[in-house]
Amino acid sequence: MPILFETESFVWVVENDCESQKSENRQFSKGVWDRNDWTINEQSMERGLALLAQKCTADNFEIKSVLPLNGARSYDYSRSSTHSWGTGTGGGGWGWGLGYGWGVTLCKGFVALLQRRVEVSTEDYEARLRENRLKASIAEKLRLIEELSARAQAAPEVQKKTEKQGLIGKKETWLVGDQAFKSEAEATACARSLVEQQVVNVQQPIEAASAEIEALQAELATLTKKAPEDAS
């Protein structure tokens, strides 16, 4: 019988404990420091591992890979001091400062990739492949609509250009791409007009992609509805 590989992911974020401390004073001259300590909550980690094992046992999944999720702990310190001399408004002074800190990563959870082998009939195998292709086509059309919509809303940048004329004179122009305008209002109006034109240009491709998505979703719904009937 044909074999399919089903894949799922399991994500667990550990409820790490965080302890924050700060220096009582907030004056650089006396030294200012901040410290944040994160420690793994062992009970939370154990609970995540237990749930992962439970899922693998119940659904017959194998763990193919585990990726840790990293956090961090850090400490920073800074201090400065100033000295002045002289009287009245003519005094001067000097100052110095220092600072240091450190940071290390800390595991804050994990994501596990799970997989299992499933034996299916030839009809079910072909139906699942068709379902996957339909879902991939729908996702591709959705990405296309998102890209077209973002492109339509991207307003051209209005840039100001200043050129010297003579000793004290200057000439100001506003640019929208390669087009130059004498006033900012004209340039802004041009940019707005270009956005409106972009919206018009992508409207038809978006409508076409939306219609294709509806047809694909209808075909997918028919395929999904047929599967339980065949199983019964």
Protein backbone atom coordinates (compact mmCIF):
# COMPACT_ATOMS: atom_id res chain seq x y z
CA MET A 1 0.00 0.00 0.00
CA PRO A 2 1.19 3.59 -0.62
CA ILE A 3 2.85 5.36 2.31
CA LEU A 4 2.41 9.00 3.33
CA PHE A 5 4.55 10.99 5.74
CA GLU A 6 2.57 13.27 8.02
CA THR A 7 4.45 16.09 9.75
CA GLU A 8 3.52 18.26 12.72
CA SER A 9 5.34 20.63 15.05
CA PHE A 10 5.17 20.89 18.83
CA VAL A 11 6.14 24.20 20.44
CA TRP A 12 6.70 24.68 24.16
CA VAL A 13 7.69 27.93 25.81
CA VAL A 14 9.08 27.51 29.31
CA GLU A 15 7.66 29.71 32.03
CA ASN A 16 11.06 31.03 33.04
CA ASP A 17 11.43 32.90 36.29
CA CYS A 18 12.83 36.42 36.01
CA GLU A 19 14.35 38.50 38.78
CA SER A 20 15.17 42.14 38.10
CA GLN A 21 17.32 44.37 40.28
CA LYS A 22 18.38 48.01 39.96
CA SER A 23 20.66 50.26 41.90
CA GLU A 24 18.77 52.31 44.47
CA ASN A 25 20.17 55.54 43.09
CA ARG A 26 19.70 56.61 39.48
CA GLN A 27 22.59 59.10 39.42
CA PHE A 28 25.49 58.28 37.14
CA SER A 29 27.91 59.96 39.50
CA LYS A 30 27.14 57.30 42.12
CA GLY A 31 27.05 54.38 39.71
CA VAL A 32 23.94 53.06 37.97
CA TRP A 33 23.39 49.37 37.30
CA ASP A 34 20.64 47.08 36.09
CA ARG A 35 20.57 43.30 36.39
CA ASN A 36 18.04 40.81 35.00
CA ASP A 37 18.36 37.11 35.86
CA TRP A 38 16.32 34.47 34.05
CA THR A 39 16.23 30.91 35.40
CA ILE A 40 14.47 27.93 33.84
CA ASN A 41 11.36 26.83 35.68
CA GLU A 42 12.11 23.11 35.92
CA GLN A 43 8.48 22.13 36.51
CA SER A 44 7.43 23.98 33.36
CA MET A 45 10.13 22.25 31.29
CA GLU A 46 9.17 18.82 32.67
CA ARG A 47 5.51 19.50 31.87
CA GLY A 48 6.40 20.37 28.26
CA LEU A 49 8.48 17.21 27.81
CA ALA A 50 5.70 15.08 29.32
CA LEU A 51 3.12 16.54 26.92
CA LEU A 52 5.46 15.94 23.98
CA ALA A 53 5.97 12.31 24.98
CA GLN A 54 2.23 11.89 25.48
CA LYS A 55 1.48 13.20 21.99
CA CYS A 56 4.10 10.96 20.35
CA THR A 57 2.71 7.90 22.14
CA ALA A 58 -0.94 8.67 21.43
CA ASP A 59 -0.53 9.64 17.74
CA ASN A 60 2.43 7.37 16.90
CA PHE A 61 4.77 10.25 16.00
CA GLU A 62 8.56 10.12 15.89
CA ILE A 63 10.68 13.09 16.95
CA LYS A 64 12.78 14.05 13.92
CA SER A 65 14.47 17.15 15.35
CA VAL A 66 14.36 19.54 18.30
CA LEU A 67 15.28 23.22 18.09
CA PRO A 68 15.86 25.15 21.33
CA LEU A 69 14.34 28.61 21.75
CA ASN A 70 16.85 31.00 23.30
CA GLY A 71 16.41 33.92 25.66
CA ALA A 72 19.09 35.86 27.51
CA ARG A 73 20.30 37.27 30.81
CA SER A 74 22.19 40.52 31.01
CA TYR A 75 23.89 43.00 33.32
CA ASP A 76 25.08 46.52 32.63
CA TYR A 77 26.81 49.15 34.74
CA SER A 78 27.67 52.77 34.05
CA ARG A 79 29.06 55.64 36.06
CA SER A 80 30.31 59.15 35.42
CA SER A 81 31.73 62.03 37.40
CA THR A 82 32.31 65.71 36.61
CA HIS A 83 34.49 68.31 38.28
CA SER A 84 34.52 72.06 37.79
CA TRP A 85 36.62 74.98 38.89
CA GLY A 86 36.60 78.73 38.61
CA THR A 87 34.06 81.32 39.68
CA GLY A 88 31.22 83.14 38.02
CA THR A 89 30.45 82.31 34.43
CA GLY A 90 34.03 81.76 33.41
CA GLY A 91 34.56 78.42 35.15
CA GLY A 92 35.50 75.22 33.37
CA GLY A 93 35.64 71.58 34.25
CA TRP A 94 36.37 68.03 33.24
CA GLY A 95 34.67 64.66 33.54
CA TRP A 96 35.14 60.94 33.18
CA GLY A 97 32.93 57.90 32.74
CA LEU A 98 33.03 54.13 32.65
CA GLY A 99 30.68 51.31 31.79
CA TYR A 100 30.65 47.57 31.36
CA GLY A 101 28.22 44.71 31.13
CA TRP A 102 27.65 41.13 30.06
CA GLY A 103 24.99 38.93 28.55
CA VAL A 104 24.49 35.19 28.00
CA THR A 105 21.82 33.16 26.20
CA LEU A 106 19.35 30.96 28.06
CA CYS A 107 17.04 28.23 26.78
CA LYS A 108 13.45 29.44 27.07
CA GLY A 109 11.70 26.53 25.36
CA PHE A 110 11.84 24.28 22.32
CA VAL A 111 10.10 23.36 19.08
CA ALA A 112 10.00 19.71 18.02
CA LEU A 113 9.40 18.43 14.48
CA LEU A 114 7.31 15.25 14.52
CA GLN A 115 6.68 12.77 11.72
CA ARG A 116 4.86 9.50 11.20
CA ARG A 117 4.39 6.97 8.36
CA VAL A 118 0.81 6.23 7.37
CA GLU A 119 -0.29 3.44 5.05
CA VAL A 120 -3.31 4.40 2.94
CA SER A 121 -5.24 3.04 0.00
CA THR A 122 -4.34 4.10 -3.52
CA GLU A 123 -7.50 6.23 -3.77
CA ASP A 124 -6.80 7.94 -0.46
CA TYR A 125 -3.16 8.49 -1.46
CA GLU A 126 -4.13 10.22 -4.70
CA ALA A 127 -6.81 12.26 -2.92
CA ARG A 128 -4.34 13.49 -0.31
CA LEU A 129 -1.81 14.46 -2.95
CA ARG A 130 -4.51 16.38 -4.79
CA GLU A 131 -5.54 18.08 -1.54
CA ASN A 132 -1.95 19.13 -0.82
CA ARG A 133 -1.57 20.56 -4.34
CA LEU A 134 -4.80 22.54 -3.96
CA LYS A 135 -3.70 23.95 -0.59
CA ALA A 136 -0.31 24.92 -2.04
CA SER A 137 -2.00 26.68 -4.98
CA ILE A 138 -4.30 28.59 -2.63
CA ALA A 139 -1.37 29.68 -0.47
CA GLU A 140 0.51 30.84 -3.57
CA LYS A 141 -2.47 32.94 -4.76
CA LEU A 142 -2.85 34.47 -1.30
CA ARG A 143 0.83 35.47 -1.30
CA LEU A 144 0.36 37.04 -4.73
CA ILE A 145 -2.60 39.11 -3.51
CA GLU A 146 -0.59 40.23 -0.46
CA GLU A 147 2.35 41.29 -2.64
CA LEU A 148 0.11 43.17 -5.09
CA SER A 149 -1.72 44.95 -2.25
CA ALA A 150 1.58 45.99 -0.63
CA ARG A 151 2.88 47.22 -3.99
CA ALA A 152 -0.27 49.27 -4.58
CA GLN A 153 -0.05 50.98 -1.18
CA ALA A 154 3.66 51.81 -1.44
CA ALA A 155 3.72 55.59 -1.84
CA PRO A 156 6.62 57.06 -3.83
CA GLU A 157 9.02 59.08 -1.68
CA VAL A 158 8.97 62.85 -1.95
CA GLN A 159 12.52 64.21 -1.66
CA LYS A 160 13.62 67.80 -1.24
CA LYS A 161 16.64 69.00 -3.21
CA THR A 162 18.41 72.29 -2.46
CA GLU A 163 20.93 73.84 -4.87
CA LYS A 164 23.04 76.94 -4.29
CA GLN A 165 22.61 79.89 -6.62
CA GLY A 166 25.23 82.61 -6.38
CA LEU A 167 26.63 83.55 -3.00
CA ILE A 168 23.51 83.54 -0.86
CA GLY A 169 20.78 82.32 -3.15
CA LYS A 170 19.33 78.83 -3.28
CA LYS A 171 16.91 76.86 -5.38
CA GLU A 172 14.56 74.28 -3.87
CA THR A 173 12.92 71.51 -5.84
CA TRP A 174 10.95 68.43 -4.83
CA LEU A 175 11.54 65.11 -6.54
CA VAL A 176 9.25 62.14 -7.05
CA GLY A 177 11.39 59.56 -8.77
CA ASP A 178 12.83 61.30 -11.85
CA GLN A 179 10.18 64.03 -11.85
CA ALA A 180 11.00 67.47 -10.41
CA PHE A 181 8.47 69.97 -9.02
CA LYS A 182 8.71 73.56 -7.88
CA SER A 183 6.57 73.06 -4.78
CA GLU A 184 6.08 70.35 -2.19
CA ALA A 185 2.32 70.43 -2.79
CA GLU A 186 2.78 69.54 -6.47
CA ALA A 187 5.15 66.70 -5.61
CA THR A 188 2.78 65.33 -2.96
CA ALA A 189 -0.13 65.47 -5.41
CA CYS A 190 1.94 63.57 -7.97
CA ALA A 191 2.87 60.90 -5.42
CA ARG A 192 -0.78 60.52 -4.43
CA SER A 193 -1.77 60.22 -8.11
CA LEU A 194 0.83 57.49 -8.64
CA VAL A 195 -0.55 55.52 -5.69
CA GLU A 196 -4.07 55.78 -7.08
CA GLN A 197 -2.81 54.55 -10.45
CA GLN A 198 -1.01 51.65 -8.78
CA VAL A 199 -4.24 50.64 -7.06
CA VAL A 200 -6.02 50.62 -10.43
CA ASN A 201 -3.22 48.61 -12.06
CA VAL A 202 -3.33 45.80 -9.49
CA GLN A 203 -7.10 45.65 -9.16
CA GLN A 204 -7.61 43.29 -12.09
CA PRO A 205 -4.81 40.84 -11.12
CA ILE A 206 -6.14 40.77 -7.54
CA GLU A 207 -9.68 40.06 -8.73
CA ALA A 208 -8.40 37.29 -11.02
CA ALA A 209 -6.38 35.72 -8.18
CA SER A 210 -9.39 35.95 -5.83
CA ALA A 211 -11.59 34.18 -8.39
CA GLU A 212 -9.00 31.42 -8.75
CA ILE A 213 -8.86 31.03 -4.96
CA GLU A 214 -12.65 30.64 -4.80
CA ALA A 215 -12.53 27.93 -7.49
CA LEU A 216 -9.69 26.12 -5.72
CA GLN A 217 -11.46 26.31 -2.36
CA ALA A 218 -14.66 24.93 -3.91
CA GLU A 219 -12.70 22.02 -5.40
CA LEU A 220 -10.97 21.44 -2.07
CA ALA A 221 -14.29 21.46 -0.22
CA THR A 222 -15.69 18.87 -2.63
CA LEU A 223 -12.62 16.70 -2.19
CA THR A 224 -12.75 17.00 1.61
CA LYS A 225 -16.46 16.19 1.70
CA LYS A 226 -15.99 13.15 -0.53
CA ALA A 227 -13.30 11.62 1.66
CA PRO A 228 -15.54 10.85 4.70
CA GLU A 229 -18.22 9.43 2.38
CA ASP A 230 -15.69 7.07 0.80
CA ALA A 231 -14.46 6.04 4.24
CA SER A 232 -17.99 5.14 5.33
